[in-house]
PDB file of N, CA and C in Angstrom:
ATOM      1  N   MET A   1      98.490  27.330 -89.178  1.00  0.00           N
ATOM      2  CA  MET A   1      99.680  28.160 -89.148  1.00  0.00           C
ATOM      3  C   MET A   1      99.619  29.210 -90.242  1.00  0.00           C
ATOM      4  N   SER A   2      99.893  30.406 -89.880  1.00  0.00           N
ATOM      5  CA  SER A   2      99.923  31.454 -90.890  1.00  0.00           C
ATOM      6  C   SER A   2     101.369  31.739 -91.260  1.00  0.00           C
ATOM      7  N   GLU A   3     101.564  31.996 -92.529  1.00  0.00           N
ATOM      8  CA  GLU A   3     102.917  32.313 -92.984  1.00  0.00           C
ATOM      9  C   GLU A   3     103.219  33.770 -92.665  1.00  0.00           C
ATOM     10  N   GLN A   4     104.423  34.007 -92.209  1.00  0.00           N
ATOM     11  CA  GLN A   4     104.825  35.364 -91.877  1.00  0.00           C
ATOM     12  C   GLN A   4     105.517  35.983 -93.077  1.00  0.00           C
ATOM     13  N   THR A   5     105.370  37.287 -93.188  1.00  0.00           N
ATOM     14  CA  THR A   5     106.110  37.982 -94.234  1.00  0.00           C
ATOM     15  C   THR A   5     107.559  38.095 -93.798  1.00  0.00           C
ATOM     16  N   ARG A   6     108.409  38.426 -94.723  1.00  0.00           N
ATOM     17  CA  ARG A   6     109.842  38.483 -94.407  1.00  0.00           C
ATOM     18  C   ARG A   6     110.175  39.490 -93.300  1.00  0.00           C
ATOM     19  N   PRO A   7     109.652  40.703 -93.324  1.00  0.00           N
ATOM     20  CA  PRO A   7     109.987  41.628 -92.223  1.00  0.00           C
ATOM     21  C   PRO A   7     109.529  41.112 -90.861  1.00  0.00           C
ATOM     22  N   GLU A   8     108.368  40.467 -90.821  1.00  0.00           N
ATOM     23  CA  GLU A   8     107.888  39.933 -89.545  1.00  0.00           C
ATOM     24  C   GLU A   8     108.768  38.785 -89.074  1.00  0.00           C
ATOM     25  N   ALA A   9     109.174  37.925 -89.991  1.00  0.00           N
ATOM     26  CA  ALA A   9     110.032  36.799 -89.629  1.00  0.00           C
ATOM     27  C   ALA A   9     111.386  37.297 -89.139  1.00  0.00           C
ATOM     28  N   ALA A  10     111.925  38.308 -89.803  1.00  0.00           N
ATOM     29  CA  ALA A  10     113.209  38.869 -89.378  1.00  0.00           C
ATOM     30  C   ALA A  10     113.076  39.520 -88.004  1.00  0.00           C
ATOM     31  N   LYS A  11     111.967  40.166 -87.770  1.00  0.00           N
ATOM     32  CA  LYS A  11     111.751  40.814 -86.479  1.00  0.00           C
ATOM     33  C   LYS A  11     111.668  39.764 -85.369  1.00  0.00           C
ATOM     34  N   ASN A  12     111.082  38.617 -85.666  1.00  0.00           N
ATOM     35  CA  ASN A  12     110.978  37.562 -84.664  1.00  0.00           C
ATOM     36  C   ASN A  12     112.317  36.868 -84.420  1.00  0.00           C
ATOM     37  N   LEU A  13     113.201  36.864 -85.402  1.00  0.00           N
ATOM     38  CA  LEU A  13     114.503  36.224 -85.246  1.00  0.00           C
ATOM     39  C   LEU A  13     115.521  37.119 -84.551  1.00  0.00           C
ATOM     40  N   TRP A  14     115.318  38.418 -84.579  1.00  0.00           N
ATOM     41  CA  TRP A  14     116.315  39.338 -84.042  1.00  0.00           C
ATOM     42  C   TRP A  14     116.641  39.092 -82.567  1.00  0.00           C
ATOM     43  N   PRO A  15     115.665  38.878 -81.676  1.00  0.00           N
ATOM     44  CA  PRO A  15     116.035  38.624 -80.268  1.00  0.00           C
ATOM     45  C   PRO A  15     116.922  37.385 -80.104  1.00  0.00           C
ATOM     46  N   SER A  16     116.629  36.340 -80.849  1.00  0.00           N
ATOM     47  CA  SER A  16     117.458  35.129 -80.761  1.00  0.00           C
ATOM     48  C   SER A  16     118.855  35.383 -81.291  1.00  0.00           C
ATOM     49  N   LEU A  17     118.950  36.099 -82.397  1.00  0.00           N
ATOM     50  CA  LEU A  17     120.256  36.402 -82.978  1.00  0.00           C
ATOM     51  C   LEU A  17     121.060  37.304 -82.049  1.00  0.00           C
ATOM     52  N   LYS A  18     120.394  38.267 -81.448  1.00  0.00           N
ATOM     53  CA  LYS A  18     121.067  39.180 -80.522  1.00  0.00           C
ATOM     54  C   LYS A  18     121.622  38.417 -79.322  1.00  0.00           C
ATOM     55  N   ARG A  19     120.843  37.493 -78.785  1.00  0.00           N
ATOM     56  CA  ARG A  19     121.302  36.687 -77.654  1.00  0.00           C
ATOM     57  C   ARG A  19     122.462  35.780 -78.074  1.00  0.00           C
ATOM     58  N   LEU A  20     122.390  35.204 -79.254  1.00  0.00           N
ATOM     59  CA  LEU A  20     123.456  34.340 -79.755  1.00  0.00           C
ATOM     60  C   LEU A  20     124.751  35.117 -79.956  1.00  0.00           C
ATOM     61  N   LEU A  21     124.658  36.319 -80.514  1.00  0.00           N
ATOM     62  CA  LEU A  21     125.848  37.148 -80.701  1.00  0.00           C
ATOM     63  C   LEU A  21     126.437  37.594 -79.368  1.00  0.00           C
ATOM     64  N   GLY A  22     125.604  37.728 -78.366  1.00  0.00           N
ATOM     65  CA  GLY A  22     126.095  38.083 -77.034  1.00  0.00           C
ATOM     66  C   GLY A  22     127.027  37.024 -76.467  1.00  0.00           C
ATOM     67  N   TYR A  23     126.764  35.760 -76.774  1.00  0.00           N
ATOM     68  CA  TYR A  23     127.654  34.691 -76.309  1.00  0.00           C
ATOM     69  C   TYR A  23     129.017  34.765 -76.995  1.00  0.00           C
ATOM     70  N   GLY A  24     129.065  35.282 -78.189  1.00  0.00           N
ATOM     71  CA  GLY A  24     130.322  35.359 -78.922  1.00  0.00           C
ATOM     72  C   GLY A  24     131.120  36.613 -78.655  1.00  0.00           C
ATOM     73  N   ARG A  25     130.646  37.471 -77.788  1.00  0.00           N
ATOM     74  CA  ARG A  25     131.323  38.742 -77.516  1.00  0.00           C
ATOM     75  C   ARG A  25     132.765  38.529 -77.053  1.00  0.00           C
ATOM     76  N   ASN A  26     132.996  37.516 -76.246  1.00  0.00           N
ATOM     77  CA  ASN A  26     134.346  37.252 -75.743  1.00  0.00           C
ATOM     78  C   ASN A  26     135.239  36.594 -76.792  1.00  0.00           C
ATOM     79  N   TYR A  27     134.676  36.180 -77.888  1.00  0.00           N
ATOM     80  CA  TYR A  27     135.422  35.446 -78.912  1.00  0.00           C
ATOM     81  C   TYR A  27     135.461  36.204 -80.233  1.00  0.00           C
ATOM     82  N   ARG A  28     135.525  37.513 -80.174  1.00  0.00           N
ATOM     83  CA  ARG A  28     135.508  38.315 -81.401  1.00  0.00           C
ATOM     84  C   ARG A  28     136.691  38.015 -82.299  1.00  0.00           C
ATOM     85  N   ARG A  29     137.875  37.970 -81.734  1.00  0.00           N
ATOM     86  CA  ARG A  29     139.080  37.741 -82.546  1.00  0.00           C
ATOM     87  C   ARG A  29     139.060  36.362 -83.214  1.00  0.00           C
ATOM     88  N   PRO A  30     138.786  35.266 -82.484  1.00  0.00           N
ATOM     89  CA  PRO A  30     138.726  33.967 -83.164  1.00  0.00           C
ATOM     90  C   PRO A  30     137.626  33.902 -84.224  1.00  0.00           C
ATOM     91  N   MET A  31     136.494  34.569 -83.962  1.00  0.00           N
ATOM     92  CA  MET A  31     135.431  34.571 -84.963  1.00  0.00           C
ATOM     93  C   MET A  31     135.853  35.352 -86.196  1.00  0.00           C
ATOM     94  N   ALA A  32     136.549  36.464 -86.020  1.00  0.00           N
ATOM     95  CA  ALA A  32     137.027  37.246 -87.163  1.00  0.00           C
ATOM     96  C   ALA A  32     138.049  36.450 -87.966  1.00  0.00           C
ATOM     97  N   VAL A  33     138.948  35.758 -87.269  1.00  0.00           N
ATOM     98  CA  VAL A  33     139.936  34.925 -87.962  1.00  0.00           C
ATOM     99  C   VAL A  33     139.235  33.820 -88.738  1.00  0.00           C
ATOM    100  N   ALA A  34     138.223  33.209 -88.151  1.00  0.00           N
ATOM    101  CA  ALA A  34     137.487  32.144 -88.830  1.00  0.00           C
ATOM    102  C   ALA A  34     136.791  32.666 -90.084  1.00  0.00           C
ATOM    103  N   ILE A  35     136.217  33.852 -90.014  1.00  0.00           N
ATOM    104  CA  ILE A  35     135.542  34.428 -91.179  1.00  0.00           C
ATOM    105  C   ILE A  35     136.539  34.733 -92.282  1.00  0.00           C
ATOM    106  N   VAL A  36     137.693  35.288 -91.921  1.00  0.00           N
ATOM    107  CA  VAL A  36     138.727  35.577 -92.925  1.00  0.00           C
ATOM    108  C   VAL A  36     139.219  34.284 -93.560  1.00  0.00           C
ATOM    109  N   MET A  37     139.405  33.243 -92.760  1.00  0.00           N
ATOM    110  CA  MET A  37     139.848  31.956 -93.300  1.00  0.00           C
ATOM    111  C   MET A  37     138.801  31.365 -94.244  1.00  0.00           C
ATOM    112  N   LEU A  38     137.528  31.537 -93.923  1.00  0.00           N
ATOM    113  CA  LEU A  38     136.469  31.069 -94.823  1.00  0.00           C
ATOM    114  C   LEU A  38     136.523  31.807 -96.150  1.00  0.00           C
ATOM    115  N   TRP A  39     136.757  33.113 -96.121  1.00  0.00           N
ATOM    116  CA  TRP A  39     136.874  33.889 -97.358  1.00  0.00           C
ATOM    117  C   TRP A  39     138.064  33.413 -98.179  1.00  0.00           C
ATOM    118  N   LEU A  40     139.200  33.203 -97.511  1.00  0.00           N
ATOM    119  CA  LEU A  40     140.395  32.740 -98.226  1.00  0.00           C
ATOM    120  C   LEU A  40     140.182  31.356 -98.833  1.00  0.00           C
ATOM    121  N   THR A  41     139.468  30.496 -98.126  1.00  0.00           N
ATOM    122  CA  THR A  41     139.166  29.173 -98.661  1.00  0.00           C
ATOM    123  C   THR A  41     138.284  29.278 -99.896  1.00  0.00           C
ATOM    124  N   ALA A  42     137.298  30.145 -99.853  1.00  0.00           N
ATOM    125  CA  ALA A  42     136.426  30.327-101.016  1.00  0.00           C
ATOM    126  C   ALA A  42     137.210  30.859-102.206  1.00  0.00           C
ATOM    127  N   ILE A  43     138.115  31.792-101.966  1.00  0.00           N
ATOM    128  CA  ILE A  43     138.948  32.336-103.047  1.00  0.00           C
ATOM    129  C   ILE A  43     139.854  31.252-103.614  1.00  0.00           C
ATOM    130  N   ALA A  44     140.430  30.425-102.746  1.00  0.00           N
ATOM    131  CA  ALA A  44     141.320  29.355-103.205  1.00  0.00           C
ATOM    132  C   ALA A  44     140.567  28.326-104.039  1.00  0.00           C
ATOM    133  N   GLU A  45     139.330  28.034-103.670  1.00  0.00           N
ATOM    134  CA  GLU A  45     138.555  27.066-104.441  1.00  0.00           C
ATOM    135  C   GLU A  45     138.215  27.594-105.823  1.00  0.00           C
ATOM    136  N   VAL A  46     138.067  28.883-105.957  1.00  0.00           N
ATOM    137  CA  VAL A  46     137.791  29.475-107.264  1.00  0.00           C
ATOM    138  C   VAL A  46     139.077  29.627-108.063  1.00  0.00           C
ATOM    139  N   ALA A  47     140.182  29.907-107.391  1.00  0.00           N
ATOM    140  CA  ALA A  47     141.444  30.169-108.085  1.00  0.00           C
ATOM    141  C   ALA A  47     142.023  28.925-108.746  1.00  0.00           C
ATOM    142  N   ALA A  48     141.829  27.756-108.172  1.00  0.00           N
ATOM    143  CA  ALA A  48     142.403  26.536-108.750  1.00  0.00           C
ATOM    144  C   ALA A  48     141.877  26.269-110.160  1.00  0.00           C
ATOM    145  N   PRO A  49     140.573  26.269-110.408  1.00  0.00           N
ATOM    146  CA  PRO A  49     140.103  26.073-111.780  1.00  0.00           C
ATOM    147  C   PRO A  49     140.523  27.200-112.723  1.00  0.00           C
ATOM    148  N   VAL A  50     140.674  28.406-112.192  1.00  0.00           N
ATOM    149  CA  VAL A  50     141.137  29.521-113.028  1.00  0.00           C
ATOM    150  C   VAL A  50     142.563  29.263-113.489  1.00  0.00           C
ATOM    151  N   LEU A  51     143.421  28.759-112.597  1.00  0.00           N
ATOM    152  CA  LEU A  51     144.792  28.421-112.986  1.00  0.00           C
ATOM    153  C   LEU A  51     144.817  27.327-114.047  1.00  0.00           C
ATOM    154  N   VAL A  52     143.989  26.316-113.883  1.00  0.00           N
ATOM    155  CA  VAL A  52     143.943  25.224-114.863  1.00  0.00           C
ATOM    156  C   VAL A  52     143.452  25.740-116.207  1.00  0.00           C
ATOM    157  N   SER A  53     142.423  26.579-116.209  1.00  0.00           N
ATOM    158  CA  SER A  53     141.917  27.106-117.480  1.00  0.00           C
ATOM    159  C   SER A  53     142.943  28.013-118.148  1.00  0.00           C
ATOM    160  N   TYR A  54     143.692  28.783-117.351  1.00  0.00           N
ATOM    161  CA  TYR A  54     144.751  29.619-117.920  1.00  0.00           C
ATOM    162  C   TYR A  54     145.802  28.750-118.591  1.00  0.00           C
ATOM    163  N   PHE A  55     146.188  27.680-117.917  1.00  0.00           N
ATOM    164  CA  PHE A  55     147.190  26.771-118.479  1.00  0.00           C
ATOM    165  C   PHE A  55     146.703  26.166-119.788  1.00  0.00           C
ATOM    166  N   ILE A  56     145.472  25.710-119.811  1.00  0.00           N
ATOM    167  CA  ILE A  56     144.938  25.079-121.024  1.00  0.00           C
ATOM    168  C   ILE A  56     144.786  26.095-122.140  1.00  0.00           C
ATOM    169  N   ASP A  57     144.223  27.258-121.851  1.00  0.00           N
ATOM    170  CA  ASP A  57     143.963  28.253-122.891  1.00  0.00           C
ATOM    171  C   ASP A  57     145.232  28.880-123.442  1.00  0.00           C
ATOM    172  N   ASN A  58     146.193  29.169-122.591  1.00  0.00           N
ATOM    173  CA  ASN A  58     147.367  29.916-123.032  1.00  0.00           C
ATOM    174  C   ASN A  58     148.593  29.062-123.306  1.00  0.00           C
ATOM    175  N   MET A  59     148.644  27.876-122.784  1.00  0.00           N
ATOM    176  CA  MET A  59     149.825  27.044-122.991  1.00  0.00           C
ATOM    177  C   MET A  59     149.536  25.883-123.938  1.00  0.00           C
ATOM    178  N   VAL A  60     148.559  25.084-123.599  1.00  0.00           N
ATOM    179  CA  VAL A  60     148.288  23.880-124.378  1.00  0.00           C
ATOM    180  C   VAL A  60     147.684  24.230-125.730  1.00  0.00           C
ATOM    181  N   ALA A  61     146.707  25.126-125.754  1.00  0.00           N
ATOM    182  CA  ALA A  61     146.034  25.462-127.011  1.00  0.00           C
ATOM    183  C   ALA A  61     146.979  26.124-128.004  1.00  0.00           C
ATOM    184  N   LYS A  62     147.917  26.906-127.515  1.00  0.00           N
ATOM    185  CA  LYS A  62     148.869  27.590-128.396  1.00  0.00           C
ATOM    186  C   LYS A  62     150.130  26.761-128.625  1.00  0.00           C
ATOM    187  N   ASN A  63     150.194  25.595-127.995  1.00  0.00           N
ATOM    188  CA  ASN A  63     151.334  24.690-128.124  1.00  0.00           C
ATOM    189  C   ASN A  63     152.635  25.376-127.704  1.00  0.00           C
ATOM    190  N   GLN A  64     152.562  26.174-126.650  1.00  0.00           N
ATOM    191  CA  GLN A  64     153.728  26.889-126.124  1.00  0.00           C
ATOM    192  C   GLN A  64     153.911  26.534-124.650  1.00  0.00           C
ATOM    193  N   ILE A  65     154.324  25.332-124.404  1.00  0.00           N
ATOM    194  CA  ILE A  65     154.485  24.887-123.030  1.00  0.00           C
ATOM    195  C   ILE A  65     155.900  25.224-122.568  1.00  0.00           C
ATOM    196  N   VAL A  66     155.993  26.204-121.667  1.00  0.00           N
ATOM    197  CA  VAL A  66     157.266  26.639-121.099  1.00  0.00           C
ATOM    198  C   VAL A  66     157.405  25.966-119.732  1.00  0.00           C
ATOM    199  N   LEU A  67     158.534  25.329-119.510  1.00  0.00           N
ATOM    200  CA  LEU A  67     158.716  24.540-118.291  1.00  0.00           C
ATOM    201  C   LEU A  67     158.606  25.392-117.027  1.00  0.00           C
ATOM    202  N   SER A  68     159.209  26.564-117.003  1.00  0.00           N
ATOM    203  CA  SER A  68     159.192  27.385-115.785  1.00  0.00           C
ATOM    204  C   SER A  68     157.777  27.855-115.447  1.00  0.00           C
ATOM    205  N   VAL A  69     157.032  28.271-116.460  1.00  0.00           N
ATOM    206  CA  VAL A  69     155.653  28.721-116.222  1.00  0.00           C
ATOM    207  C   VAL A  69     154.784  27.539-115.809  1.00  0.00           C
ATOM    208  N   THR A  70     155.003  26.394-116.435  1.00  0.00           N
ATOM    209  CA  THR A  70     154.236  25.201-116.091  1.00  0.00           C
ATOM    210  C   THR A  70     154.495  24.791-114.643  1.00  0.00           C
ATOM    211  N   LEU A  71     155.753  24.794-114.232  1.00  0.00           N
ATOM    212  CA  LEU A  71     156.075  24.439-112.851  1.00  0.00           C
ATOM    213  C   LEU A  71     155.494  25.445-111.864  1.00  0.00           C
ATOM    214  N   LEU A  72     155.497  26.717-112.222  1.00  0.00           N
ATOM    215  CA  LEU A  72     154.911  27.746-111.364  1.00  0.00           C
ATOM    216  C   LEU A  72     153.405  27.534-111.211  1.00  0.00           C
ATOM    217  N   LEU A  73     152.722  27.229-112.310  1.00  0.00           N
ATOM    218  CA  LEU A  73     151.283  26.976-112.248  1.00  0.00           C
ATOM    219  C   LEU A  73     150.976  25.717-111.444  1.00  0.00           C
ATOM    220  N   VAL A  74     151.784  24.677-111.618  1.00  0.00           N
ATOM    221  CA  VAL A  74     151.581  23.446-110.852  1.00  0.00           C
ATOM    222  C   VAL A  74     151.806  23.707-109.364  1.00  0.00           C
ATOM    223  N   ALA A  75     152.847  24.461-109.030  1.00  0.00           N
ATOM    224  CA  ALA A  75     153.114  24.784-107.626  1.00  0.00           C
ATOM    225  C   ALA A  75     151.968  25.604-107.029  1.00  0.00           C
ATOM    226  N   GLY A  76     151.453  26.554-107.789  1.00  0.00           N
ATOM    227  CA  GLY A  76     150.319  27.343-107.313  1.00  0.00           C
ATOM    228  C   GLY A  76     149.085  26.493-107.105  1.00  0.00           C
ATOM    229  N   PHE A  77     148.838  25.573-108.033  1.00  0.00           N
ATOM    230  CA  PHE A  77     147.679  24.688-107.925  1.00  0.00           C
ATOM    231  C   PHE A  77     147.805  23.788-106.696  1.00  0.00           C
ATOM    232  N   VAL A  78     148.982  23.205-106.500  1.00  0.00           N
ATOM    233  CA  VAL A  78     149.197  22.326-105.345  1.00  0.00           C
ATOM    234  C   VAL A  78     149.072  23.117-104.044  1.00  0.00           C
ATOM    235  N   ALA A  79     149.616  24.322-104.013  1.00  0.00           N
ATOM    236  CA  ALA A  79     149.516  25.151-102.811  1.00  0.00           C
ATOM    237  C   ALA A  79     148.061  25.478-102.488  1.00  0.00           C
ATOM    238  N   LEU A  80     147.269  25.755-103.510  1.00  0.00           N
ATOM    239  CA  LEU A  80     145.856  26.051-103.279  1.00  0.00           C
ATOM    240  C   LEU A  80     145.104  24.817-102.797  1.00  0.00           C
ATOM    241  N   GLN A  81     145.480  23.648-103.288  1.00  0.00           N
ATOM    242  CA  GLN A  81     144.800  22.434-102.866  1.00  0.00           C
ATOM    243  C   GLN A  81     145.170  22.046-101.437  1.00  0.00           C
ATOM    244  N   ILE A  82     146.404  22.331-101.038  1.00  0.00           N
ATOM    245  CA  ILE A  82     146.839  22.005 -99.680  1.00  0.00           C
ATOM    246  C   ILE A  82     146.243  22.987 -98.674  1.00  0.00           C
ATOM    247  N   ALA A  83     146.167  24.246 -99.053  1.00  0.00           N
ATOM    248  CA  ALA A  83     145.664  25.283 -98.145  1.00  0.00           C
ATOM    249  C   ALA A  83     144.206  25.172 -97.946  1.00  0.00           C
TER     250      ALA A  83
END
């Protein structure tokens, strides 16, 4: 077996990919919704640790725990985990 270079491998995959995309032509809207939902899920997974680090760095480290801000951060964290 000889190894193919990347352009050759991509050229060999294109007919299969083109045929596969042809099957999805009737499902453009559901596929677009699925892609957007995947992006939102990725953003939510990154946002949860950012919220926790913000809480630790700005509230706990400075010993300034405000109840309203804490509840807002907890609600945001829970919403991201549920979504």
